[in-house]
Amino acid sequence: IDEQEGMIQMDIHLFKEVLCTKLDDIEKRTLHVLH
């Protein structure tokens, strides 16, 4: 958190990792049901 500007900046690589992990989990569960 940039104290002077009060802005929150995200680590894009961590965001991508979390997003991809979540999407992989959703895909696996959907495919498990469809099968």
PDB file of all heavy atoms in Angstrom:
ATOM      1  N   ILE A   1       0.866  -1.181   0.000  1.00  0.00           N
ATOM      2  CA  ILE A   1       0.000   0.000   0.000  1.00  0.00           C
ATOM      3  C   ILE A   1       0.899   1.225   0.000  1.00  0.00           C
ATOM      4  O   ILE A   1       1.748   1.393   0.858  1.00  0.00           O
ATOM      5  CB  ILE A   1      -0.921   0.020   1.243  1.00  0.00           C
ATOM      6  CG1 ILE A   1      -1.838  -1.196   1.246  1.00  0.00           C
ATOM      7  CG2 ILE A   1      -1.717   1.315   1.297  1.00  0.00           C
ATOM      8  CD1 ILE A   1      -2.690  -1.315   2.477  1.00  0.00           C
ATOM      9  N   ASP A   2       0.686   2.071  -0.991  1.00  0.00           N
ATOM     10  CA  ASP A   2       1.457   3.303  -1.080  1.00  0.00           C
ATOM     11  C   ASP A   2       0.838   4.291  -0.095  1.00  0.00           C
ATOM     12  O   ASP A   2      -0.239   4.821  -0.315  1.00  0.00           O
ATOM     13  CB  ASP A   2       1.395   3.844  -2.504  1.00  0.00           C
ATOM     14  CG  ASP A   2       2.207   5.118  -2.689  1.00  0.00           C
ATOM     15  OD1 ASP A   2       2.693   5.679  -1.696  1.00  0.00           O
ATOM     16  OD2 ASP A   2       2.346   5.531  -3.841  1.00  0.00           O
ATOM     17  N   GLU A   3       1.521   4.524   1.025  1.00  0.00           N
ATOM     18  CA  GLU A   3       0.999   5.347   2.104  1.00  0.00           C
ATOM     19  C   GLU A   3       0.666   6.771   1.641  1.00  0.00           C
ATOM     20  O   GLU A   3      -0.332   7.343   2.059  1.00  0.00           O
ATOM     21  CB  GLU A   3       1.990   5.399   3.267  1.00  0.00           C
ATOM     22  CG  GLU A   3       2.241   4.061   3.926  1.00  0.00           C
ATOM     23  CD  GLU A   3       1.043   3.533   4.692  1.00  0.00           C
ATOM     24  OE1 GLU A   3       0.189   4.334   5.121  1.00  0.00           O
ATOM     25  OE2 GLU A   3       0.957   2.302   4.833  1.00  0.00           O
ATOM     26  N   GLN A   4       1.491   7.346   0.793  1.00  0.00           N
ATOM     27  CA  GLN A   4       1.278   8.727   0.391  1.00  0.00           C
ATOM     28  C   GLN A   4       0.081   8.873  -0.542  1.00  0.00           C
ATOM     29  O   GLN A   4      -0.663   9.835  -0.448  1.00  0.00           O
ATOM     30  CB  GLN A   4       2.530   9.282  -0.279  1.00  0.00           C
ATOM     31  CG  GLN A   4       3.689   9.376   0.696  1.00  0.00           C
ATOM     32  CD  GLN A   4       4.960   9.854   0.026  1.00  0.00           C
ATOM     33  OE1 GLN A   4       5.060   9.887  -1.193  1.00  0.00           O
ATOM     34  NE2 GLN A   4       5.936  10.232   0.843  1.00  0.00           N
ATOM     35  N   GLU A   5      -0.088   7.959  -1.453  1.00  0.00           N
ATOM     36  CA  GLU A   5      -1.174   8.048  -2.432  1.00  0.00           C
ATOM     37  C   GLU A   5      -2.407   7.283  -1.979  1.00  0.00           C
ATOM     38  O   GLU A   5      -3.480   7.451  -2.538  1.00  0.00           O
ATOM     39  CB  GLU A   5      -0.712   7.522  -3.790  1.00  0.00           C
ATOM     40  CG  GLU A   5       0.450   8.272  -4.389  1.00  0.00           C
ATOM     41  CD  GLU A   5       0.068   9.689  -4.779  1.00  0.00           C
ATOM     42  OE1 GLU A   5      -1.077   9.909  -5.202  1.00  0.00           O
ATOM     43  OE2 GLU A   5       0.922  10.565  -4.653  1.00  0.00           O
ATOM     44  N   GLY A   6      -2.256   6.374  -1.001  1.00  0.00           N
ATOM     45  CA  GLY A   6      -3.388   5.577  -0.534  1.00  0.00           C
ATOM     46  C   GLY A   6      -3.867   4.580  -1.574  1.00  0.00           C
ATOM     47  O   GLY A   6      -5.028   4.192  -1.592  1.00  0.00           O
ATOM     48  N   MET A   7      -2.979   4.160  -2.472  1.00  0.00           N
ATOM     49  CA  MET A   7      -3.373   3.241  -3.541  1.00  0.00           C
ATOM     50  C   MET A   7      -2.930   1.826  -3.218  1.00  0.00           C
ATOM     51  O   MET A   7      -1.854   1.608  -2.682  1.00  0.00           O
ATOM     52  CB  MET A   7      -2.756   3.685  -4.874  1.00  0.00           C
ATOM     53  CG  MET A   7      -3.226   5.039  -5.340  1.00  0.00           C
ATOM     54  SD  MET A   7      -2.410   5.561  -6.853  1.00  0.00           S
ATOM     55  CE  MET A   7      -2.995   4.340  -7.981  1.00  0.00           C
ATOM     56  N   ILE A   8      -3.772   0.875  -3.539  1.00  0.00           N
ATOM     57  CA  ILE A   8      -3.432  -0.537  -3.368  1.00  0.00           C
ATOM     58  C   ILE A   8      -3.012  -1.068  -4.726  1.00  0.00           C
ATOM     59  O   ILE A   8      -3.714  -0.912  -5.717  1.00  0.00           O
ATOM     60  CB  ILE A   8      -4.637  -1.340  -2.846  1.00  0.00           C
ATOM     61  CG1 ILE A   8      -5.047  -0.819  -1.463  1.00  0.00           C
ATOM     62  CG2 ILE A   8      -4.320  -2.821  -2.792  1.00  0.00           C
ATOM     63  CD1 ILE A   8      -6.306  -1.432  -0.933  1.00  0.00           C
ATOM     64  N   GLN A   9      -1.836  -1.671  -4.779  1.00  0.00           N
ATOM     65  CA  GLN A   9      -1.354  -2.242  -6.029  1.00  0.00           C
ATOM     66  C   GLN A   9      -1.221  -3.751  -5.855  1.00  0.00           C
ATOM     67  O   GLN A   9      -0.667  -4.220  -4.881  1.00  0.00           O
ATOM     68  CB  GLN A   9      -0.022  -1.622  -6.416  1.00  0.00           C
ATOM     69  CG  GLN A   9      -0.158  -0.143  -6.690  1.00  0.00           C
ATOM     70  CD  GLN A   9       1.105   0.449  -7.262  1.00  0.00           C
ATOM     71  OE1 GLN A   9       2.060  -0.249  -7.549  1.00  0.00           O
ATOM     72  NE2 GLN A   9       1.094   1.749  -7.456  1.00  0.00           N
ATOM     73  N   MET A  10      -1.744  -4.498  -6.804  1.00  0.00           N
ATOM     74  CA  MET A  10      -1.691  -5.951  -6.723  1.00  0.00           C
ATOM     75  C   MET A  10      -0.515  -6.511  -7.495  1.00  0.00           C
ATOM     76  O   MET A  10      -0.111  -5.958  -8.509  1.00  0.00           O
ATOM     77  CB  MET A  10      -2.982  -6.557  -7.292  1.00  0.00           C
ATOM     78  CG  MET A  10      -4.195  -6.262  -6.459  1.00  0.00           C
ATOM     79  SD  MET A  10      -5.633  -7.172  -6.992  1.00  0.00           S
ATOM     80  CE  MET A  10      -5.883  -6.547  -8.617  1.00  0.00           C
ATOM     81  N   ASP A  11      -0.013  -7.586  -7.006  1.00  0.00           N
ATOM     82  CA  ASP A  11       1.030  -8.314  -7.704  1.00  0.00           C
ATOM     83  C   ASP A  11       0.334  -9.111  -8.807  1.00  0.00           C
ATOM     84  O   ASP A  11      -0.373 -10.077  -8.535  1.00  0.00           O
ATOM     85  CB  ASP A  11       1.755  -9.234  -6.722  1.00  0.00           C
ATOM     86  CG  ASP A  11       2.886 -10.001  -7.372  1.00  0.00           C
ATOM     87  OD1 ASP A  11       2.855 -10.218  -8.599  1.00  0.00           O
ATOM     88  OD2 ASP A  11       3.791 -10.405  -6.631  1.00  0.00           O
ATOM     89  N   ILE A  12       0.504  -8.709 -10.059  1.00  0.00           N
ATOM     90  CA  ILE A  12      -0.215  -9.318 -11.179  1.00  0.00           C
ATOM     91  C   ILE A  12       0.119 -10.793 -11.330  1.00  0.00           C
ATOM     92  O   ILE A  12      -0.733 -11.592 -11.710  1.00  0.00           O
ATOM     93  CB  ILE A  12       0.019  -8.549 -12.503  1.00  0.00           C
ATOM     94  CG1 ILE A  12      -0.944  -9.026 -13.593  1.00  0.00           C
ATOM     95  CG2 ILE A  12       1.453  -8.689 -12.966  1.00  0.00           C
ATOM     96  CD1 ILE A  12      -2.376  -8.705 -13.345  1.00  0.00           C
ATOM     97  N   HIS A  13       1.318 -11.177 -10.970  1.00  0.00           N
ATOM     98  CA  HIS A  13       1.686 -12.586 -11.091  1.00  0.00           C
ATOM     99  C   HIS A  13       0.936 -13.437 -10.065  1.00  0.00           C
ATOM    100  O   HIS A  13       0.485 -14.537 -10.381  1.00  0.00           O
ATOM    101  CB  HIS A  13       3.195 -12.758 -10.956  1.00  0.00           C
ATOM    102  CG  HIS A  13       3.956 -12.050 -12.035  1.00  0.00           C
ATOM    103  ND1 HIS A  13       3.907 -12.446 -13.360  1.00  0.00           N
ATOM    104  CD2 HIS A  13       4.744 -10.965 -12.004  1.00  0.00           C
ATOM    105  CE1 HIS A  13       4.640 -11.629 -14.088  1.00  0.00           C
ATOM    106  NE2 HIS A  13       5.160 -10.717 -13.286  1.00  0.00           N
ATOM    107  N   LEU A  14       0.798 -12.929  -8.857  1.00  0.00           N
ATOM    108  CA  LEU A  14       0.040 -13.643  -7.833  1.00  0.00           C
ATOM    109  C   LEU A  14      -1.428 -13.707  -8.214  1.00  0.00           C
ATOM    110  O   LEU A  14      -2.080 -14.740  -8.065  1.00  0.00           O
ATOM    111  CB  LEU A  14       0.211 -12.967  -6.466  1.00  0.00           C
ATOM    112  CG  LEU A  14      -0.499 -13.643  -5.292  1.00  0.00           C
ATOM    113  CD1 LEU A  14      -0.033 -15.095  -5.141  1.00  0.00           C
ATOM    114  CD2 LEU A  14      -0.222 -12.866  -4.006  1.00  0.00           C
ATOM    115  N   PHE A  15      -1.953 -12.609  -8.738  1.00  0.00           N
ATOM    116  CA  PHE A  15      -3.341 -12.579  -9.192  1.00  0.00           C
ATOM    117  C   PHE A  15      -3.570 -13.631 -10.278  1.00  0.00           C
ATOM    118  O   PHE A  15      -4.542 -14.388 -10.234  1.00  0.00           O
ATOM    119  CB  PHE A  15      -3.699 -11.189  -9.728  1.00  0.00           C
ATOM    120  CG  PHE A  15      -5.065 -11.113 -10.332  1.00  0.00           C
ATOM    121  CD1 PHE A  15      -6.193 -11.095  -9.522  1.00  0.00           C
ATOM    122  CD2 PHE A  15      -5.230 -11.080 -11.710  1.00  0.00           C
ATOM    123  CE1 PHE A  15      -7.465 -11.039 -10.080  1.00  0.00           C
ATOM    124  CE2 PHE A  15      -6.493 -11.021 -12.271  1.00  0.00           C
ATOM    125  CZ  PHE A  15      -7.618 -10.992 -11.454  1.00  0.00           C
ATOM    126  N   LYS A  16      -2.661 -13.684 -11.244  1.00  0.00           N
ATOM    127  CA  LYS A  16      -2.771 -14.658 -12.334  1.00  0.00           C
ATOM    128  C   LYS A  16      -2.737 -16.085 -11.783  1.00  0.00           C
ATOM    129  O   LYS A  16      -3.518 -16.932 -12.196  1.00  0.00           O
ATOM    130  CB  LYS A  16      -1.642 -14.455 -13.345  1.00  0.00           C
ATOM    131  CG  LYS A  16      -1.669 -15.442 -14.485  1.00  0.00           C
ATOM    132  CD  LYS A  16      -0.498 -15.241 -15.424  1.00  0.00           C
ATOM    133  CE  LYS A  16      -0.464 -16.317 -16.475  1.00  0.00           C
ATOM    134  NZ  LYS A  16       0.709 -16.211 -17.334  1.00  0.00           N
ATOM    135  N   GLU A  17      -1.846 -16.328 -10.835  1.00  0.00           N
ATOM    136  CA  GLU A  17      -1.731 -17.664 -10.244  1.00  0.00           C
ATOM    137  C   GLU A  17      -3.016 -18.069  -9.518  1.00  0.00           C
ATOM    138  O   GLU A  17      -3.517 -19.178  -9.690  1.00  0.00           O
ATOM    139  CB  GLU A  17      -0.551 -17.696  -9.274  1.00  0.00           C
ATOM    140  CG  GLU A  17      -0.307 -19.056  -8.657  1.00  0.00           C
ATOM    141  CD  GLU A  17       0.883 -19.039  -7.703  1.00  0.00           C
ATOM    142  OE1 GLU A  17       1.859 -18.322  -7.972  1.00  0.00           O
ATOM    143  OE2 GLU A  17       0.799 -19.744  -6.693  1.00  0.00           O
ATOM    144  N   VAL A  18      -3.570 -17.156  -8.740  1.00  0.00           N
ATOM    145  CA  VAL A  18      -4.815 -17.438  -8.016  1.00  0.00           C
ATOM    146  C   VAL A  18      -5.963 -17.656  -8.991  1.00  0.00           C
ATOM    147  O   VAL A  18      -6.746 -18.599  -8.849  1.00  0.00           O
ATOM    148  CB  VAL A  18      -5.141 -16.299  -7.019  1.00  0.00           C
ATOM    149  CG1 VAL A  18      -6.530 -16.454  -6.429  1.00  0.00           C
ATOM    150  CG2 VAL A  18      -4.095 -16.248  -5.913  1.00  0.00           C
ATOM    151  N   LEU A  19      -6.062 -16.809  -9.994  1.00  0.00           N
ATOM    152  CA  LEU A  19      -7.123 -16.927 -10.995  1.00  0.00           C
ATOM    153  C   LEU A  19      -7.019 -18.251 -11.750  1.00  0.00           C
ATOM    154  O   LEU A  19      -8.014 -18.969 -11.897  1.00  0.00           O
ATOM    155  CB  LEU A  19      -7.072 -15.758 -11.980  1.00  0.00           C
ATOM    156  CG  LEU A  19      -8.088 -15.787 -13.123  1.00  0.00           C
ATOM    157  CD1 LEU A  19      -9.508 -15.703 -12.589  1.00  0.00           C
ATOM    158  CD2 LEU A  19      -7.810 -14.654 -14.094  1.00  0.00           C
ATOM    159  N   CYS A  20      -5.836 -18.606 -12.215  1.00  0.00           N
ATOM    160  CA  CYS A  20      -5.642 -19.850 -12.967  1.00  0.00           C
ATOM    161  C   CYS A  20      -5.931 -21.074 -12.103  1.00  0.00           C
ATOM    162  O   CYS A  20      -6.535 -22.038 -12.572  1.00  0.00           O
ATOM    163  CB  CYS A  20      -4.241 -19.917 -13.555  1.00  0.00           C
ATOM    164  SG  CYS A  20      -4.006 -18.758 -14.923  1.00  0.00           S
ATOM    165  N   THR A  21      -5.523 -21.030 -10.837  1.00  0.00           N
ATOM    166  CA  THR A  21      -5.798 -22.139  -9.928  1.00  0.00           C
ATOM    167  C   THR A  21      -7.300 -22.314  -9.743  1.00  0.00           C
ATOM    168  O   THR A  21      -7.822 -23.431  -9.782  1.00  0.00           O
ATOM    169  CB  THR A  21      -5.115 -21.904  -8.560  1.00  0.00           C
ATOM    170  OG1 THR A  21      -3.707 -21.837  -8.774  1.00  0.00           O
ATOM    171  CG2 THR A  21      -5.426 -23.020  -7.582  1.00  0.00           C
ATOM    172  N   LYS A  22      -8.012 -21.217  -9.554  1.00  0.00           N
ATOM    173  CA  LYS A  22      -9.469 -21.272  -9.376  1.00  0.00           C
ATOM    174  C   LYS A  22     -10.154 -21.784 -10.642  1.00  0.00           C
ATOM    175  O   LYS A  22     -11.044 -22.639 -10.572  1.00  0.00           O
ATOM    176  CB  LYS A  22      -9.994 -19.886  -9.002  1.00  0.00           C
ATOM    177  CG  LYS A  22     -11.445 -19.855  -8.678  1.00  0.00           C
ATOM    178  CD  LYS A  22     -11.726 -20.619  -7.411  1.00  0.00           C
ATOM    179  CE  LYS A  22     -13.163 -20.455  -6.992  1.00  0.00           C
ATOM    180  NZ  LYS A  22     -13.506 -21.330  -5.880  1.00  0.00           N
ATOM    181  N   LEU A  23      -9.744 -21.284 -11.803  1.00  0.00           N
ATOM    182  CA  LEU A  23     -10.350 -21.734 -13.065  1.00  0.00           C
ATOM    183  C   LEU A  23     -10.050 -23.215 -13.319  1.00  0.00           C
ATOM    184  O   LEU A  23     -10.923 -23.947 -13.788  1.00  0.00           O
ATOM    185  CB  LEU A  23      -9.868 -20.871 -14.227  1.00  0.00           C
ATOM    186  CG  LEU A  23     -10.396 -19.439 -14.234  1.00  0.00           C
ATOM    187  CD1 LEU A  23      -9.709 -18.619 -15.318  1.00  0.00           C
ATOM    188  CD2 LEU A  23     -11.903 -19.395 -14.410  1.00  0.00           C
ATOM    189  N   ASP A  24      -8.849 -23.671 -13.009  1.00  0.00           N
ATOM    190  CA  ASP A  24      -8.514 -25.097 -13.152  1.00  0.00           C
ATOM    191  C   ASP A  24      -9.416 -25.951 -12.276  1.00  0.00           C
ATOM    192  O   ASP A  24      -9.891 -27.009 -12.699  1.00  0.00           O
ATOM    193  CB  ASP A  24      -7.054 -25.365 -12.778  1.00  0.00           C
ATOM    194  CG  ASP A  24      -6.066 -24.893 -13.828  1.00  0.00           C
ATOM    195  OD1 ASP A  24      -6.486 -24.622 -14.976  1.00  0.00           O
ATOM    196  OD2 ASP A  24      -4.864 -24.798 -13.499  1.00  0.00           O
ATOM    197  N   ASP A  25      -9.657 -25.497 -11.058  1.00  0.00           N
ATOM    198  CA  ASP A  25     -10.521 -26.238 -10.135  1.00  0.00           C
ATOM    199  C   ASP A  25     -11.953 -26.319 -10.663  1.00  0.00           C
ATOM    200  O   ASP A  25     -12.576 -27.385 -10.643  1.00  0.00           O
ATOM    201  CB  ASP A  25     -10.502 -25.575  -8.762  1.00  0.00           C
ATOM    202  CG  ASP A  25     -11.363 -26.308  -7.756  1.00  0.00           C
ATOM    203  OD1 ASP A  25     -11.154 -27.538  -7.579  1.00  0.00           O
ATOM    204  OD2 ASP A  25     -12.239 -25.675  -7.133  1.00  0.00           O
ATOM    205  N   ILE A  26     -12.473 -25.220 -11.163  1.00  0.00           N
ATOM    206  CA  ILE A  26     -13.832 -25.199 -11.720  1.00  0.00           C
ATOM    207  C   ILE A  26     -13.928 -26.124 -12.930  1.00  0.00           C
ATOM    208  O   ILE A  26     -14.891 -26.876 -13.083  1.00  0.00           O
ATOM    209  CB  ILE A  26     -14.259 -23.762 -12.082  1.00  0.00           C
ATOM    210  CG1 ILE A  26     -14.372 -22.920 -10.806  1.00  0.00           C
ATOM    211  CG2 ILE A  26     -15.579 -23.768 -12.856  1.00  0.00           C
ATOM    212  CD1 ILE A  26     -14.498 -21.432 -11.077  1.00  0.00           C
ATOM    213  N   GLU A  27     -12.924 -26.076 -13.798  1.00  0.00           N
ATOM    214  CA  GLU A  27     -12.917 -26.953 -14.978  1.00  0.00           C
ATOM    215  C   GLU A  27     -12.923 -28.418 -14.554  1.00  0.00           C
ATOM    216  O   GLU A  27     -13.708 -29.219 -15.080  1.00  0.00           O
ATOM    217  CB  GLU A  27     -11.701 -26.680 -15.849  1.00  0.00           C
ATOM    218  CG  GLU A  27     -11.624 -27.611 -17.053  1.00  0.00           C
ATOM    219  CD  GLU A  27     -10.337 -27.489 -17.828  1.00  0.00           C
ATOM    220  OE1 GLU A  27      -9.346 -26.948 -17.302  1.00  0.00           O
ATOM    221  OE2 GLU A  27     -10.310 -27.964 -18.989  1.00  0.00           O
ATOM    222  N   LYS A  28     -12.078 -28.803 -13.619  1.00  0.00           N
ATOM    223  CA  LYS A  28     -12.002 -30.199 -13.166  1.00  0.00           C
ATOM    224  C   LYS A  28     -13.321 -30.667 -12.579  1.00  0.00           C
ATOM    225  O   LYS A  28     -13.776 -31.781 -12.859  1.00  0.00           O
ATOM    226  CB  LYS A  28     -10.884 -30.371 -12.139  1.00  0.00           C
ATOM    227  CG  LYS A  28      -9.505 -30.316 -12.739  1.00  0.00           C
ATOM    228  CD  LYS A  28      -8.428 -30.386 -11.674  1.00  0.00           C
ATOM    229  CE  LYS A  28      -7.056 -30.138 -12.285  1.00  0.00           C
ATOM    230  NZ  LYS A  28      -6.010 -29.978 -11.301  1.00  0.00           N
ATOM    231  N   ARG A  29     -13.951 -29.823 -11.760  1.00  0.00           N
ATOM    232  CA  ARG A  29     -15.235 -30.211 -11.157  1.00  0.00           C
ATOM    233  C   ARG A  29     -16.327 -30.337 -12.208  1.00  0.00           C
ATOM    234  O   ARG A  29     -17.141 -31.257 -12.163  1.00  0.00           O
ATOM    235  CB  ARG A  29     -15.629 -29.214 -10.073  1.00  0.00           C
ATOM    236  CG  ARG A  29     -14.716 -29.326  -8.851  1.00  0.00           C
ATOM    237  CD  ARG A  29     -15.172 -28.454  -7.712  1.00  0.00           C
ATOM    238  NE  ARG A  29     -15.099 -27.053  -8.094  1.00  0.00           N
ATOM    239  CZ  ARG A  29     -15.822 -26.086  -7.549  1.00  0.00           C
ATOM    240  NH1 ARG A  29     -16.674 -26.356  -6.593  1.00  0.00           N
ATOM    241  NH2 ARG A  29     -15.683 -24.843  -7.947  1.00  0.00           N
ATOM    242  N   THR A  30     -16.341 -29.428 -13.171  1.00  0.00           N
ATOM    243  CA  THR A  30     -17.346 -29.488 -14.246  1.00  0.00           C
ATOM    244  C   THR A  30     -17.164 -30.750 -15.075  1.00  0.00           C
ATOM    245  O   THR A  30     -18.130 -31.467 -15.368  1.00  0.00           O
ATOM    246  CB  THR A  30     -17.253 -28.235 -15.135  1.00  0.00           C
ATOM    247  OG1 THR A  30     -17.419 -27.067 -14.324  1.00  0.00           O
ATOM    248  CG2 THR A  30     -18.306 -28.262 -16.234  1.00  0.00           C
ATOM    249  N   LEU A  31     -15.939 -31.044 -15.462  1.00  0.00           N
ATOM    250  CA  LEU A  31     -15.668 -32.254 -16.252  1.00  0.00           C
ATOM    251  C   LEU A  31     -15.998 -33.519 -15.461  1.00  0.00           C
ATOM    252  O   LEU A  31     -16.548 -34.476 -16.024  1.00  0.00           O
ATOM    253  CB  LEU A  31     -14.214 -32.285 -16.708  1.00  0.00           C
ATOM    254  CG  LEU A  31     -13.829 -31.224 -17.740  1.00  0.00           C
ATOM    255  CD1 LEU A  31     -12.328 -31.220 -17.978  1.00  0.00           C
ATOM    256  CD2 LEU A  31     -14.597 -31.422 -19.042  1.00  0.00           C
ATOM    257  N   HIS A  32     -15.719 -33.526 -14.173  1.00  0.00           N
ATOM    258  CA  HIS A  32     -16.037 -34.678 -13.322  1.00  0.00           C
ATOM    259  C   HIS A  32     -17.540 -34.964 -13.354  1.00  0.00           C
ATOM    260  O   HIS A  32     -17.958 -36.116 -13.496  1.00  0.00           O
ATOM    261  CB  HIS A  32     -15.569 -34.419 -11.888  1.00  0.00           C
ATOM    262  CG  HIS A  32     -15.895 -35.510 -10.933  1.00  0.00           C
ATOM    263  ND1 HIS A  32     -15.230 -36.722 -10.937  1.00  0.00           N
ATOM    264  CD2 HIS A  32     -16.822 -35.584  -9.953  1.00  0.00           C
ATOM    265  CE1 HIS A  32     -15.740 -37.498  -9.997  1.00  0.00           C
ATOM    266  NE2 HIS A  32     -16.712 -36.822  -9.380  1.00  0.00           N
ATOM    267  N   VAL A  33     -18.336 -33.923 -13.255  1.00  0.00           N
ATOM    268  CA  VAL A  33     -19.795 -34.081 -13.290  1.00  0.00           C
ATOM    269  C   VAL A  33     -20.251 -34.534 -14.668  1.00  0.00           C
ATOM    270  O   VAL A  33     -21.059 -35.469 -14.797  1.00  0.00           O
ATOM    271  CB  VAL A  33     -20.500 -32.768 -12.886  1.00  0.00           C
ATOM    272  CG1 VAL A  33     -21.995 -32.833 -13.168  1.00  0.00           C
ATOM    273  CG2 VAL A  33     -20.247 -32.460 -11.420  1.00  0.00           C
ATOM    274  N   LEU A  34     -19.764 -33.891 -15.714  1.00  0.00           N
ATOM    275  CA  LEU A  34     -20.198 -34.242 -17.073  1.00  0.00           C
ATOM    276  C   LEU A  34     -19.885 -35.703 -17.411  1.00  0.00           C
ATOM    277  O   LEU A  34     -20.686 -36.364 -18.077  1.00  0.00           O
ATOM    278  CB  LEU A  34     -19.555 -33.310 -18.104  1.00  0.00           C
ATOM    279  CG  LEU A  34     -20.086 -31.876 -18.123  1.00  0.00           C
ATOM    280  CD1 LEU A  34     -19.256 -31.013 -19.057  1.00  0.00           C
ATOM    281  CD2 LEU A  34     -21.563 -31.847 -18.514  1.00  0.00           C
ATOM    282  N   HIS A  35     -18.761 -36.207 -16.955  1.00  0.00           N
ATOM    283  CA  HIS A  35     -18.394 -37.596 -17.238  1.00  0.00           C
ATOM    284  C   HIS A  35     -19.342 -38.599 -16.582  1.00  0.00           C
ATOM    285  O   HIS A  35     -19.401 -39.756 -17.009  1.00  0.00           O
ATOM    286  CB  HIS A  35     -16.952 -37.872 -16.808  1.00  0.00           C
ATOM    287  CG  HIS A  35     -15.932 -37.358 -17.782  1.00  0.00           C
ATOM    288  ND1 HIS A  35     -15.748 -37.893 -19.038  1.00  0.00           N
ATOM    289  CD2 HIS A  35     -15.055 -36.326 -17.694  1.00  0.00           C
ATOM    290  CE1 HIS A  35     -14.807 -37.242 -19.673  1.00  0.00           C
ATOM    291  NE2 HIS A  35     -14.364 -36.273 -18.881  1.00  0.00           N
TER     292      HIS A  35
END
